[in-house]
Amino acid sequence: MQKVFLIDVNLPRFFSLWNSDEYIHQYELGDEWSDSEIWKYAQSENLTIITKDSDFSSHILLHNPPPKVIHIKLGNVKMN
C-alpha cells in the first residue's frame, strides 16, 4: 500500500490510529529534519503532513501549491 500520511516528529510514533502502511513517521526518515525538509519531502511524495506544529499551518499561506496539512491541536502527548 502507498504511503499517504507523514506523521511529524512531535506526535507519538506508536499510536494505533496510524498503525498501518498508509502512514510513515518522520522518525523513520530522520528525526532531525527541519520543517522545510519535511515540507519538501511531503510535497515531492504527495503526502499529507499530520502535526501539532502550527508552523506548518502558517507555511500553507506562503507556498503554492502546498502539501496538505492536518494540524492536530491537543494538550501534551507522551511520546511513548
N, C-alpha and C. Protein backbone atom coordinates (compact mmCIF):
# COMPACT_ATOMS: atom_id res chain seq x y z
N MET A 1 0.84 -1.18 0.00
CA MET A 1 0.00 0.00 0.00
C MET A 1 0.89 1.25 0.00
N GLN A 2 0.46 2.26 -0.68
CA GLN A 2 1.21 3.50 -0.81
C GLN A 2 1.08 4.36 0.44
N LYS A 3 2.17 5.03 0.80
CA LYS A 3 2.15 5.97 1.92
C LYS A 3 1.31 7.18 1.54
N VAL A 4 0.48 7.64 2.48
CA VAL A 4 -0.40 8.78 2.25
C VAL A 4 -0.13 9.89 3.26
N PHE A 5 0.23 9.52 4.49
CA PHE A 5 0.38 10.48 5.57
C PHE A 5 1.80 10.45 6.13
N LEU A 6 2.31 11.63 6.45
CA LEU A 6 3.60 11.78 7.12
C LEU A 6 3.34 12.33 8.51
N ILE A 7 3.65 11.54 9.54
CA ILE A 7 3.43 11.95 10.92
C ILE A 7 4.66 12.72 11.39
N ASP A 8 4.46 13.94 11.84
CA ASP A 8 5.56 14.78 12.31
C ASP A 8 6.15 14.21 13.59
N VAL A 9 7.40 14.54 13.83
CA VAL A 9 8.14 14.00 14.97
C VAL A 9 7.54 14.43 16.32
N ASN A 10 6.73 15.48 16.34
CA ASN A 10 6.15 15.94 17.60
C ASN A 10 4.92 15.13 18.02
N LEU A 11 4.57 14.10 17.26
CA LEU A 11 3.48 13.19 17.61
C LEU A 11 4.06 11.81 17.87
N PRO A 12 3.41 11.02 18.74
CA PRO A 12 3.97 9.72 19.10
C PRO A 12 4.06 8.76 17.91
N ARG A 13 5.15 7.99 17.88
CA ARG A 13 5.35 7.00 16.81
C ARG A 13 4.37 5.86 16.91
N PHE A 14 4.12 5.41 18.12
CA PHE A 14 3.30 4.22 18.32
C PHE A 14 1.91 4.64 18.78
N PHE A 15 1.05 4.85 17.83
CA PHE A 15 -0.32 5.27 18.10
C PHE A 15 -1.21 4.43 17.19
N SER A 16 -2.20 3.79 17.73
CA SER A 16 -2.99 2.82 16.97
C SER A 16 -3.63 3.41 15.72
N LEU A 17 -3.94 4.69 15.73
CA LEU A 17 -4.58 5.30 14.56
C LEU A 17 -3.71 5.21 13.32
N TRP A 18 -2.39 5.42 13.49
CA TRP A 18 -1.53 5.36 12.31
C TRP A 18 -0.64 4.12 12.31
N ASN A 19 -1.22 3.01 12.72
CA ASN A 19 -0.52 1.73 12.70
C ASN A 19 -0.91 0.96 11.44
N SER A 20 -0.58 1.53 10.28
CA SER A 20 -0.85 0.85 9.01
C SER A 20 0.17 1.33 7.97
N ASP A 21 0.15 0.71 6.83
CA ASP A 21 1.11 1.04 5.77
C ASP A 21 0.86 2.40 5.12
N GLU A 22 -0.27 3.02 5.39
CA GLU A 22 -0.56 4.34 4.81
C GLU A 22 0.22 5.45 5.49
N TYR A 23 0.78 5.18 6.65
CA TYR A 23 1.42 6.20 7.47
C TYR A 23 2.93 5.95 7.55
N ILE A 24 3.68 7.04 7.53
CA ILE A 24 5.11 6.98 7.80
C ILE A 24 5.40 8.05 8.85
N HIS A 25 6.16 7.67 9.84
CA HIS A 25 6.52 8.64 10.89
C HIS A 25 7.85 9.26 10.52
N GLN A 26 7.97 10.53 10.79
CA GLN A 26 9.20 11.25 10.46
C GLN A 26 10.43 10.57 11.06
N TYR A 27 10.29 9.93 12.19
CA TYR A 27 11.39 9.23 12.85
C TYR A 27 12.04 8.22 11.90
N GLU A 28 11.23 7.60 11.04
CA GLU A 28 11.75 6.62 10.08
C GLU A 28 12.62 7.28 9.02
N LEU A 29 12.43 8.56 8.80
CA LEU A 29 13.19 9.30 7.79
C LEU A 29 14.40 10.00 8.39
N GLY A 30 14.32 10.32 9.65
CA GLY A 30 15.36 11.07 10.34
C GLY A 30 14.70 12.10 11.22
N ASP A 31 14.81 11.94 12.52
CA ASP A 31 14.08 12.82 13.43
C ASP A 31 14.72 14.19 13.58
N GLU A 32 15.79 14.45 12.85
CA GLU A 32 16.46 15.75 12.92
C GLU A 32 16.13 16.64 11.72
N TRP A 33 15.19 16.23 10.91
CA TRP A 33 14.84 17.01 9.72
C TRP A 33 14.25 18.35 10.13
N SER A 34 14.56 19.39 9.38
CA SER A 34 13.95 20.71 9.60
C SER A 34 12.53 20.71 9.03
N ASP A 35 11.74 21.69 9.43
CA ASP A 35 10.38 21.81 8.90
C ASP A 35 10.39 21.94 7.38
N SER A 36 11.33 22.69 6.84
CA SER A 36 11.38 22.87 5.38
C SER A 36 11.74 21.57 4.66
N GLU A 37 12.58 20.74 5.27
CA GLU A 37 12.90 19.44 4.68
C GLU A 37 11.68 18.52 4.71
N ILE A 38 10.95 18.54 5.80
CA ILE A 38 9.72 17.75 5.91
C ILE A 38 8.72 18.22 4.86
N TRP A 39 8.58 19.53 4.75
CA TRP A 39 7.65 20.14 3.81
C TRP A 39 7.96 19.70 2.38
N LYS A 40 9.22 19.81 1.98
CA LYS A 40 9.64 19.45 0.62
C LYS A 40 9.44 17.96 0.36
N TYR A 41 9.75 17.14 1.34
CA TYR A 41 9.57 15.70 1.18
C TYR A 41 8.09 15.36 1.00
N ALA A 42 7.24 15.92 1.85
CA ALA A 42 5.80 15.67 1.75
C ALA A 42 5.27 16.14 0.40
N GLN A 43 5.75 17.28 -0.04
CA GLN A 43 5.31 17.82 -1.33
C GLN A 43 5.75 16.90 -2.48
N SER A 44 6.99 16.45 -2.46
CA SER A 44 7.50 15.62 -3.55
C SER A 44 6.87 14.22 -3.57
N GLU A 45 6.50 13.71 -2.40
CA GLU A 45 5.92 12.37 -2.29
C GLU A 45 4.39 12.40 -2.24
N ASN A 46 3.81 13.59 -2.35
CA ASN A 46 2.35 13.76 -2.30
C ASN A 46 1.76 13.20 -1.00
N LEU A 47 2.39 13.56 0.13
CA LEU A 47 1.94 13.11 1.44
C LEU A 47 1.22 14.23 2.18
N THR A 48 0.30 13.86 3.03
CA THR A 48 -0.36 14.80 3.92
C THR A 48 0.39 14.78 5.25
N ILE A 49 0.81 15.96 5.71
CA ILE A 49 1.53 16.08 6.97
C ILE A 49 0.53 16.13 8.12
N ILE A 50 0.73 15.29 9.13
CA ILE A 50 -0.07 15.34 10.35
C ILE A 50 0.85 15.84 11.45
N THR A 51 0.50 16.95 12.10
CA THR A 51 1.40 17.61 13.02
C THR A 51 0.67 18.35 14.13
N LYS A 52 1.40 18.65 15.20
CA LYS A 52 0.93 19.57 16.23
C LYS A 52 1.57 20.94 16.06
N ASP A 53 2.51 21.05 15.15
CA ASP A 53 3.32 22.25 14.92
C ASP A 53 2.55 23.28 14.09
N SER A 54 2.25 24.42 14.68
CA SER A 54 1.49 25.45 13.97
C SER A 54 2.27 26.08 12.82
N ASP A 55 3.60 25.89 12.79
CA ASP A 55 4.39 26.44 11.70
C ASP A 55 3.94 25.90 10.34
N PHE A 56 3.52 24.66 10.29
CA PHE A 56 3.08 24.09 9.03
C PHE A 56 1.80 24.76 8.53
N SER A 57 0.91 25.08 9.44
CA SER A 57 -0.32 25.78 9.05
C SER A 57 0.01 27.15 8.48
N SER A 58 0.99 27.81 9.05
CA SER A 58 1.42 29.12 8.55
C SER A 58 2.11 28.98 7.20
N HIS A 59 2.86 27.91 7.03
CA HIS A 59 3.57 27.65 5.77
C HIS A 59 2.62 27.58 4.58
N ILE A 60 1.42 27.07 4.82
CA ILE A 60 0.44 26.91 3.74
C ILE A 60 0.14 28.24 3.06
N LEU A 61 0.12 29.31 3.83
CA LEU A 61 -0.21 30.62 3.29
C LEU A 61 0.90 31.18 2.40
N LEU A 62 2.11 30.67 2.56
CA LEU A 62 3.26 31.23 1.84
C LEU A 62 3.70 30.40 0.63
N HIS A 63 3.28 29.17 0.52
CA HIS A 63 3.77 28.29 -0.53
C HIS A 63 2.61 27.75 -1.37
N ASN A 64 2.82 27.76 -2.66
CA ASN A 64 1.79 27.29 -3.56
C ASN A 64 2.43 26.41 -4.62
N PRO A 65 2.00 25.21 -4.84
CA PRO A 65 0.98 24.50 -4.07
C PRO A 65 1.60 23.87 -2.83
N PRO A 66 0.90 23.93 -1.74
CA PRO A 66 1.43 23.30 -0.52
C PRO A 66 1.05 21.82 -0.47
N PRO A 67 1.77 21.04 0.34
CA PRO A 67 1.23 19.71 0.66
C PRO A 67 0.04 19.92 1.60
N LYS A 68 -0.79 18.93 1.71
CA LYS A 68 -1.90 19.01 2.65
C LYS A 68 -1.35 18.89 4.07
N VAL A 69 -2.00 19.57 5.00
CA VAL A 69 -1.58 19.55 6.40
C VAL A 69 -2.80 19.33 7.28
N ILE A 70 -2.69 18.39 8.20
CA ILE A 70 -3.69 18.21 9.24
C ILE A 70 -3.03 18.68 10.53
N HIS A 71 -3.56 19.76 11.08
CA HIS A 71 -2.99 20.37 12.29
C HIS A 71 -3.82 19.89 13.48
N ILE A 72 -3.22 19.04 14.28
CA ILE A 72 -3.89 18.50 15.47
C ILE A 72 -3.59 19.41 16.65
N LYS A 73 -4.64 19.84 17.31
CA LYS A 73 -4.48 20.69 18.48
C LYS A 73 -4.90 19.91 19.70
N LEU A 74 -3.90 19.33 20.37
CA LEU A 74 -4.11 18.55 21.57
C LEU A 74 -3.25 19.10 22.69
N GLY A 75 -3.55 18.69 23.89
CA GLY A 75 -2.66 19.00 25.01
C GLY A 75 -1.40 18.18 24.87
N ASN A 76 -0.62 18.11 25.89
CA ASN A 76 0.61 17.33 25.87
C ASN A 76 0.32 15.87 25.60
N VAL A 77 1.15 15.27 24.74
CA VAL A 77 1.02 13.86 24.39
C VAL A 77 2.35 13.19 24.71
N LYS A 78 2.29 12.11 25.47
CA LYS A 78 3.53 11.39 25.77
C LYS A 78 4.01 10.68 24.51
N MET A 79 5.30 10.75 24.27
CA MET A 79 5.87 10.17 23.05
C MET A 79 5.88 8.65 23.08
N ASN A 80 5.80 8.05 24.24
CA ASN A 80 5.76 6.58 24.33
C ASN A 80 4.32 6.14 24.28
